[in-house]
Amino acid sequence: MSDDVKMFEGSQIRSVWDNEREEWYFSVVDVIGSLTESNNPRDYWYRVKKRMSEEEKSELSTICRLLKLKAPDGKMRLTDVADMQGIINRLLKMAVLSLVMRVNLLKIGQVNLLLHLKML
């Protein structure tokens, strides 16, 4: 395996090439950091995983692998990685569904507030 850094919209995405499977794996934390613009993508990913149901965690274990990538401190550390298909087809759908659910909950909350105000 050989590691590399890819650029995506100005963000660095750590990646590693798997010679055996002949595919790239990308750091999930780095992808999340570039998509969410979170100040702490590691914490964001930790919280997403904590909130997952057992079924989602089971699915996640089929998507992600733990591989050693160079951390910002220069040390090789185990990192959640996924191939491009896993990131696009599964992780992003999970994130989009989560975002859609949040937006829908906000809309429901606004409708309930408006109904409540009309009753006053």
N, C-alpha and C. Protein backbone atom coordinates (compact mmCIF):
# COMPACT_ATOMS: atom_id res chain seq x y z
N MET A 1 0.84 -1.19 0.00
CA MET A 1 0.00 0.00 0.00
C MET A 1 0.88 1.24 0.00
N SER A 2 0.42 2.23 -0.73
CA SER A 2 1.13 3.51 -0.74
C SER A 2 0.13 4.61 -0.45
N ASP A 3 0.56 5.59 0.37
CA ASP A 3 -0.37 6.66 0.72
C ASP A 3 -0.06 7.92 -0.08
N ASP A 4 -1.05 8.78 -0.16
CA ASP A 4 -0.97 9.98 -0.96
C ASP A 4 -1.98 10.98 -0.40
N VAL A 5 -1.81 12.24 -0.75
CA VAL A 5 -2.78 13.27 -0.37
C VAL A 5 -3.42 13.79 -1.64
N LYS A 6 -4.74 13.76 -1.68
CA LYS A 6 -5.51 14.28 -2.81
C LYS A 6 -6.11 15.62 -2.39
N MET A 7 -6.38 16.46 -3.36
CA MET A 7 -7.02 17.74 -3.08
C MET A 7 -8.46 17.69 -3.57
N PHE A 8 -9.38 18.20 -2.74
CA PHE A 8 -10.78 18.29 -3.11
C PHE A 8 -11.29 19.64 -2.64
N GLU A 9 -11.61 20.52 -3.57
CA GLU A 9 -12.12 21.86 -3.27
C GLU A 9 -11.30 22.56 -2.19
N GLY A 10 -9.98 22.48 -2.34
CA GLY A 10 -9.08 23.17 -1.42
C GLY A 10 -8.78 22.42 -0.14
N SER A 11 -9.37 21.26 0.06
CA SER A 11 -9.12 20.47 1.26
C SER A 11 -8.23 19.27 0.93
N GLN A 12 -7.37 18.92 1.87
CA GLN A 12 -6.53 17.74 1.69
C GLN A 12 -7.28 16.50 2.15
N ILE A 13 -7.27 15.48 1.30
CA ILE A 13 -7.91 14.20 1.63
C ILE A 13 -6.80 13.15 1.62
N ARG A 14 -6.51 12.59 2.78
CA ARG A 14 -5.51 11.53 2.83
C ARG A 14 -6.07 10.29 2.16
N SER A 15 -5.23 9.60 1.42
CA SER A 15 -5.68 8.41 0.69
C SER A 15 -4.58 7.37 0.68
N VAL A 16 -4.98 6.15 0.41
CA VAL A 16 -4.03 5.05 0.33
C VAL A 16 -4.45 4.12 -0.80
N TRP A 17 -3.47 3.66 -1.57
CA TRP A 17 -3.72 2.76 -2.69
C TRP A 17 -3.53 1.33 -2.20
N ASP A 18 -4.54 0.48 -2.43
CA ASP A 18 -4.46 -0.94 -2.08
C ASP A 18 -4.09 -1.71 -3.34
N ASN A 19 -2.84 -2.19 -3.38
CA ASN A 19 -2.35 -2.92 -4.56
C ASN A 19 -3.15 -4.20 -4.82
N GLU A 20 -3.52 -4.87 -3.74
CA GLU A 20 -4.23 -6.14 -3.86
C GLU A 20 -5.61 -5.95 -4.49
N ARG A 21 -6.34 -4.96 -4.01
CA ARG A 21 -7.70 -4.71 -4.53
C ARG A 21 -7.70 -3.73 -5.71
N GLU A 22 -6.56 -3.10 -5.93
CA GLU A 22 -6.41 -2.12 -7.00
C GLU A 22 -7.45 -1.00 -6.93
N GLU A 23 -7.50 -0.36 -5.74
CA GLU A 23 -8.40 0.78 -5.57
C GLU A 23 -7.88 1.69 -4.47
N TRP A 24 -8.35 2.95 -4.55
CA TRP A 24 -7.98 3.95 -3.56
C TRP A 24 -8.95 3.90 -2.39
N TYR A 25 -8.42 4.15 -1.20
CA TYR A 25 -9.23 4.33 0.00
C TYR A 25 -8.96 5.74 0.52
N PHE A 26 -10.01 6.40 0.98
CA PHE A 26 -9.91 7.79 1.39
C PHE A 26 -10.30 7.93 2.86
N SER A 27 -9.63 8.84 3.55
CA SER A 27 -9.93 9.11 4.95
C SER A 27 -11.34 9.66 5.08
N VAL A 28 -12.16 8.97 5.85
CA VAL A 28 -13.55 9.40 6.06
C VAL A 28 -13.58 10.75 6.77
N VAL A 29 -12.72 10.93 7.76
CA VAL A 29 -12.68 12.19 8.51
C VAL A 29 -12.33 13.35 7.59
N ASP A 30 -11.38 13.13 6.67
CA ASP A 30 -10.99 14.20 5.75
C ASP A 30 -12.13 14.55 4.80
N VAL A 31 -12.83 13.53 4.31
CA VAL A 31 -13.97 13.77 3.41
C VAL A 31 -15.05 14.54 4.14
N ILE A 32 -15.36 14.13 5.36
CA ILE A 32 -16.37 14.81 6.17
C ILE A 32 -15.94 16.26 6.42
N GLY A 33 -14.66 16.45 6.73
CA GLY A 33 -14.15 17.80 6.97
C GLY A 33 -14.32 18.71 5.77
N SER A 34 -14.10 18.16 4.58
CA SER A 34 -14.22 19.00 3.38
C SER A 34 -15.68 19.27 3.02
N LEU A 35 -16.58 18.35 3.34
CA LEU A 35 -17.99 18.52 2.98
C LEU A 35 -18.77 19.33 4.01
N THR A 36 -18.41 19.21 5.27
CA THR A 36 -19.19 19.88 6.31
C THR A 36 -18.56 21.19 6.75
N GLU A 37 -17.30 21.40 6.40
CA GLU A 37 -16.55 22.57 6.85
C GLU A 37 -16.54 22.65 8.38
N SER A 38 -16.57 21.46 9.02
CA SER A 38 -16.54 21.37 10.47
C SER A 38 -15.16 21.79 11.00
N ASN A 39 -15.15 22.46 12.14
CA ASN A 39 -13.88 22.82 12.78
C ASN A 39 -13.18 21.60 13.35
N ASN A 40 -13.96 20.57 13.67
CA ASN A 40 -13.39 19.36 14.25
C ASN A 40 -14.06 18.14 13.59
N PRO A 41 -13.64 17.78 12.37
CA PRO A 41 -14.29 16.67 11.67
C PRO A 41 -14.15 15.32 12.37
N ARG A 42 -13.07 15.15 13.13
CA ARG A 42 -12.89 13.89 13.88
C ARG A 42 -14.01 13.73 14.91
N ASP A 43 -14.29 14.83 15.62
CA ASP A 43 -15.36 14.82 16.62
C ASP A 43 -16.72 14.65 15.93
N TYR A 44 -16.92 15.30 14.80
CA TYR A 44 -18.16 15.18 14.03
C TYR A 44 -18.39 13.72 13.66
N TRP A 45 -17.36 13.05 13.13
CA TRP A 45 -17.48 11.65 12.73
C TRP A 45 -17.74 10.76 13.95
N TYR A 46 -17.09 11.05 15.06
CA TYR A 46 -17.30 10.30 16.30
C TYR A 46 -18.77 10.40 16.72
N ARG A 47 -19.33 11.60 16.68
CA ARG A 47 -20.72 11.80 17.10
C ARG A 47 -21.71 11.15 16.13
N VAL A 48 -21.40 11.20 14.83
CA VAL A 48 -22.26 10.52 13.85
C VAL A 48 -22.29 9.03 14.16
N LYS A 49 -21.14 8.43 14.42
CA LYS A 49 -21.09 7.00 14.70
C LYS A 49 -21.81 6.65 16.01
N LYS A 50 -21.71 7.53 17.02
CA LYS A 50 -22.38 7.30 18.30
C LYS A 50 -23.90 7.28 18.14
N ARG A 51 -24.42 8.09 17.21
CA ARG A 51 -25.87 8.21 17.03
C ARG A 51 -26.45 7.13 16.12
N MET A 52 -25.60 6.33 15.51
CA MET A 52 -26.08 5.31 14.57
C MET A 52 -26.80 4.18 15.30
N SER A 53 -27.81 3.64 14.63
CA SER A 53 -28.49 2.46 15.15
C SER A 53 -27.57 1.25 14.96
N GLU A 54 -27.91 0.14 15.56
CA GLU A 54 -27.11 -1.07 15.40
C GLU A 54 -27.06 -1.51 13.94
N GLU A 55 -28.16 -1.34 13.23
CA GLU A 55 -28.21 -1.71 11.81
C GLU A 55 -27.26 -0.82 11.00
N GLU A 56 -27.27 0.47 11.29
CA GLU A 56 -26.37 1.40 10.58
C GLU A 56 -24.91 1.09 10.89
N LYS A 57 -24.63 0.76 12.16
CA LYS A 57 -23.26 0.40 12.55
C LYS A 57 -22.81 -0.85 11.83
N SER A 58 -23.72 -1.80 11.67
CA SER A 58 -23.40 -3.02 10.95
C SER A 58 -23.07 -2.72 9.49
N GLU A 59 -23.88 -1.84 8.87
CA GLU A 59 -23.64 -1.45 7.49
C GLU A 59 -22.31 -0.70 7.38
N LEU A 60 -22.03 0.15 8.37
CA LEU A 60 -20.79 0.92 8.36
C LEU A 60 -19.57 0.00 8.38
N SER A 61 -19.67 -1.10 9.11
CA SER A 61 -18.53 -2.02 9.18
C SER A 61 -18.24 -2.68 7.84
N THR A 62 -19.22 -2.71 6.94
CA THR A 62 -18.97 -3.26 5.61
C THR A 62 -18.43 -2.19 4.66
N ILE A 63 -18.58 -0.92 5.01
CA ILE A 63 -18.14 0.18 4.17
C ILE A 63 -16.71 0.60 4.53
N CYS A 64 -16.45 0.75 5.82
CA CYS A 64 -15.18 1.31 6.29
C CYS A 64 -14.19 0.23 6.70
N ARG A 65 -12.93 0.57 6.51
CA ARG A 65 -11.83 -0.25 6.99
C ARG A 65 -10.94 0.64 7.83
N LEU A 66 -10.16 0.04 8.69
CA LEU A 66 -9.16 0.80 9.45
C LEU A 66 -7.81 0.56 8.81
N LEU A 67 -7.19 1.62 8.33
CA LEU A 67 -5.86 1.54 7.74
C LEU A 67 -4.99 2.63 8.35
N LYS A 68 -3.69 2.42 8.34
CA LYS A 68 -2.78 3.43 8.88
C LYS A 68 -2.49 4.48 7.82
N LEU A 69 -2.77 5.74 8.20
CA LEU A 69 -2.45 6.89 7.37
C LEU A 69 -1.63 7.87 8.20
N LYS A 70 -0.86 8.69 7.53
CA LYS A 70 -0.04 9.67 8.23
C LYS A 70 -0.94 10.75 8.81
N ALA A 71 -0.84 10.94 10.11
CA ALA A 71 -1.62 11.96 10.82
C ALA A 71 -0.90 13.30 10.72
N PRO A 72 -1.59 14.39 11.08
CA PRO A 72 -0.94 15.71 11.02
C PRO A 72 0.35 15.80 11.84
N ASP A 73 0.47 14.97 12.88
CA ASP A 73 1.70 14.99 13.69
C ASP A 73 2.82 14.15 13.07
N GLY A 74 2.56 13.58 11.89
CA GLY A 74 3.58 12.81 11.19
C GLY A 74 3.60 11.33 11.52
N LYS A 75 2.84 10.92 12.53
CA LYS A 75 2.81 9.51 12.92
C LYS A 75 1.76 8.76 12.10
N MET A 76 1.99 7.48 11.91
CA MET A 76 1.04 6.62 11.23
C MET A 76 -0.01 6.17 12.24
N ARG A 77 -1.27 6.48 11.97
CA ARG A 77 -2.36 6.15 12.90
C ARG A 77 -3.49 5.45 12.16
N LEU A 78 -4.15 4.53 12.88
CA LEU A 78 -5.31 3.86 12.29
C LEU A 78 -6.40 4.89 12.03
N THR A 79 -6.96 4.83 10.84
CA THR A 79 -7.95 5.82 10.39
C THR A 79 -9.06 5.11 9.65
N ASP A 80 -10.31 5.53 9.88
CA ASP A 80 -11.43 5.00 9.09
C ASP A 80 -11.25 5.44 7.65
N VAL A 81 -11.28 4.49 6.73
CA VAL A 81 -11.18 4.79 5.31
C VAL A 81 -12.28 4.04 4.57
N ALA A 82 -12.62 4.55 3.40
CA ALA A 82 -13.62 3.89 2.54
C ALA A 82 -13.19 4.09 1.10
N ASP A 83 -13.58 3.15 0.25
CA ASP A 83 -13.30 3.33 -1.18
C ASP A 83 -14.29 4.33 -1.75
N MET A 84 -14.09 4.72 -2.99
CA MET A 84 -14.93 5.76 -3.60
C MET A 84 -16.40 5.34 -3.62
N GLN A 85 -16.65 4.09 -3.94
CA GLN A 85 -18.03 3.61 -3.98
C GLN A 85 -18.67 3.71 -2.59
N GLY A 86 -17.93 3.33 -1.57
CA GLY A 86 -18.45 3.42 -0.20
C GLY A 86 -18.75 4.84 0.21
N ILE A 87 -17.88 5.75 -0.18
CA ILE A 87 -18.09 7.16 0.18
C ILE A 87 -19.30 7.71 -0.55
N ILE A 88 -19.36 7.48 -1.85
CA ILE A 88 -20.46 8.06 -2.64
C ILE A 88 -21.79 7.37 -2.36
N ASN A 89 -21.81 6.06 -2.44
CA ASN A 89 -23.07 5.33 -2.36
C ASN A 89 -23.63 5.19 -0.96
N ARG A 90 -22.77 5.16 0.03
CA ARG A 90 -23.28 4.87 1.37
C ARG A 90 -23.07 6.01 2.35
N LEU A 91 -21.83 6.44 2.52
CA LEU A 91 -21.56 7.47 3.53
C LEU A 91 -22.27 8.77 3.20
N LEU A 92 -22.21 9.20 1.94
CA LEU A 92 -22.87 10.46 1.59
C LEU A 92 -24.38 10.34 1.68
N LYS A 93 -24.93 9.18 1.32
CA LYS A 93 -26.37 8.99 1.47
C LYS A 93 -26.77 9.07 2.93
N MET A 94 -25.94 8.48 3.82
CA MET A 94 -26.23 8.56 5.25
C MET A 94 -26.22 10.02 5.69
N ALA A 95 -25.22 10.77 5.24
CA ALA A 95 -25.10 12.18 5.62
C ALA A 95 -26.25 12.98 5.04
N VAL A 96 -26.61 12.72 3.78
CA VAL A 96 -27.71 13.45 3.14
C VAL A 96 -29.02 13.11 3.83
N LEU A 97 -29.24 11.85 4.12
CA LEU A 97 -30.47 11.48 4.82
C LEU A 97 -30.53 12.16 6.17
N SER A 98 -29.42 12.21 6.85
CA SER A 98 -29.38 12.87 8.14
C SER A 98 -29.72 14.35 7.99
N LEU A 99 -29.15 15.01 6.99
CA LEU A 99 -29.43 16.42 6.75
C LEU A 99 -30.89 16.63 6.37
N VAL A 100 -31.42 15.78 5.49
CA VAL A 100 -32.82 15.88 5.08
C VAL A 100 -33.72 15.72 6.30
N MET A 101 -33.38 14.76 7.17
CA MET A 101 -34.19 14.56 8.37
C MET A 101 -34.17 15.81 9.24
N ARG A 102 -32.99 16.44 9.38
CA ARG A 102 -32.89 17.65 10.20
C ARG A 102 -33.72 18.78 9.62
N VAL A 103 -33.64 18.96 8.31
CA VAL A 103 -34.41 20.02 7.65
C VAL A 103 -35.90 19.76 7.83
N ASN A 104 -36.33 18.51 7.65
CA ASN A 104 -37.74 18.18 7.82
C ASN A 104 -38.20 18.41 9.25
N LEU A 105 -37.36 18.07 10.22
CA LEU A 105 -37.73 18.32 11.61
C LEU A 105 -37.86 19.82 11.88
N LEU A 106 -36.98 20.61 11.30
CA LEU A 106 -37.09 22.06 11.45
C LEU A 106 -38.39 22.58 10.84
N LYS A 107 -38.74 22.07 9.66
CA LYS A 107 -39.98 22.49 9.00
C LYS A 107 -41.18 22.12 9.85
N ILE A 108 -41.18 20.91 10.39
CA ILE A 108 -42.29 20.47 11.24
C ILE A 108 -42.39 21.37 12.47
N GLY A 109 -41.22 21.70 13.04
CA GLY A 109 -41.20 22.60 14.20
C GLY A 109 -41.75 23.96 13.86
N GLN A 110 -41.42 24.50 12.68
CA GLN A 110 -41.93 25.80 12.26
C GLN A 110 -43.43 25.76 12.04
N VAL A 111 -43.91 24.69 11.42
CA VAL A 111 -45.35 24.56 11.18
C VAL A 111 -46.09 24.49 12.52
N ASN A 112 -45.57 23.71 13.45
CA ASN A 112 -46.21 23.60 14.76
C ASN A 112 -46.22 24.95 15.48
N LEU A 113 -45.14 25.72 15.36
CA LEU A 113 -45.08 27.04 15.98
C LEU A 113 -46.11 27.97 15.36
N LEU A 114 -46.20 27.95 14.01
CA LEU A 114 -47.19 28.81 13.33
C LEU A 114 -48.61 28.43 13.73
N LEU A 115 -48.89 27.13 13.79
CA LEU A 115 -50.22 26.69 14.22
C LEU A 115 -50.51 27.14 15.63
N HIS A 116 -49.54 27.05 16.50
CA HIS A 116 -49.69 27.46 17.89
C HIS A 116 -49.97 28.96 17.96
N LEU A 117 -49.22 29.76 17.17
CA LEU A 117 -49.42 31.22 17.20
C LEU A 117 -50.80 31.61 16.68
N LYS A 118 -51.29 30.87 15.67
CA LYS A 118 -52.62 31.17 15.13
C LYS A 118 -53.72 30.86 16.13
N MET A 119 -53.45 29.91 17.04
CA MET A 119 -54.44 29.54 18.04
C MET A 119 -54.56 30.59 19.14
N LEU A 120 -53.52 31.40 19.30
CA LEU A 120 -53.53 32.40 20.40
C LEU A 120 -54.47 33.54 20.12
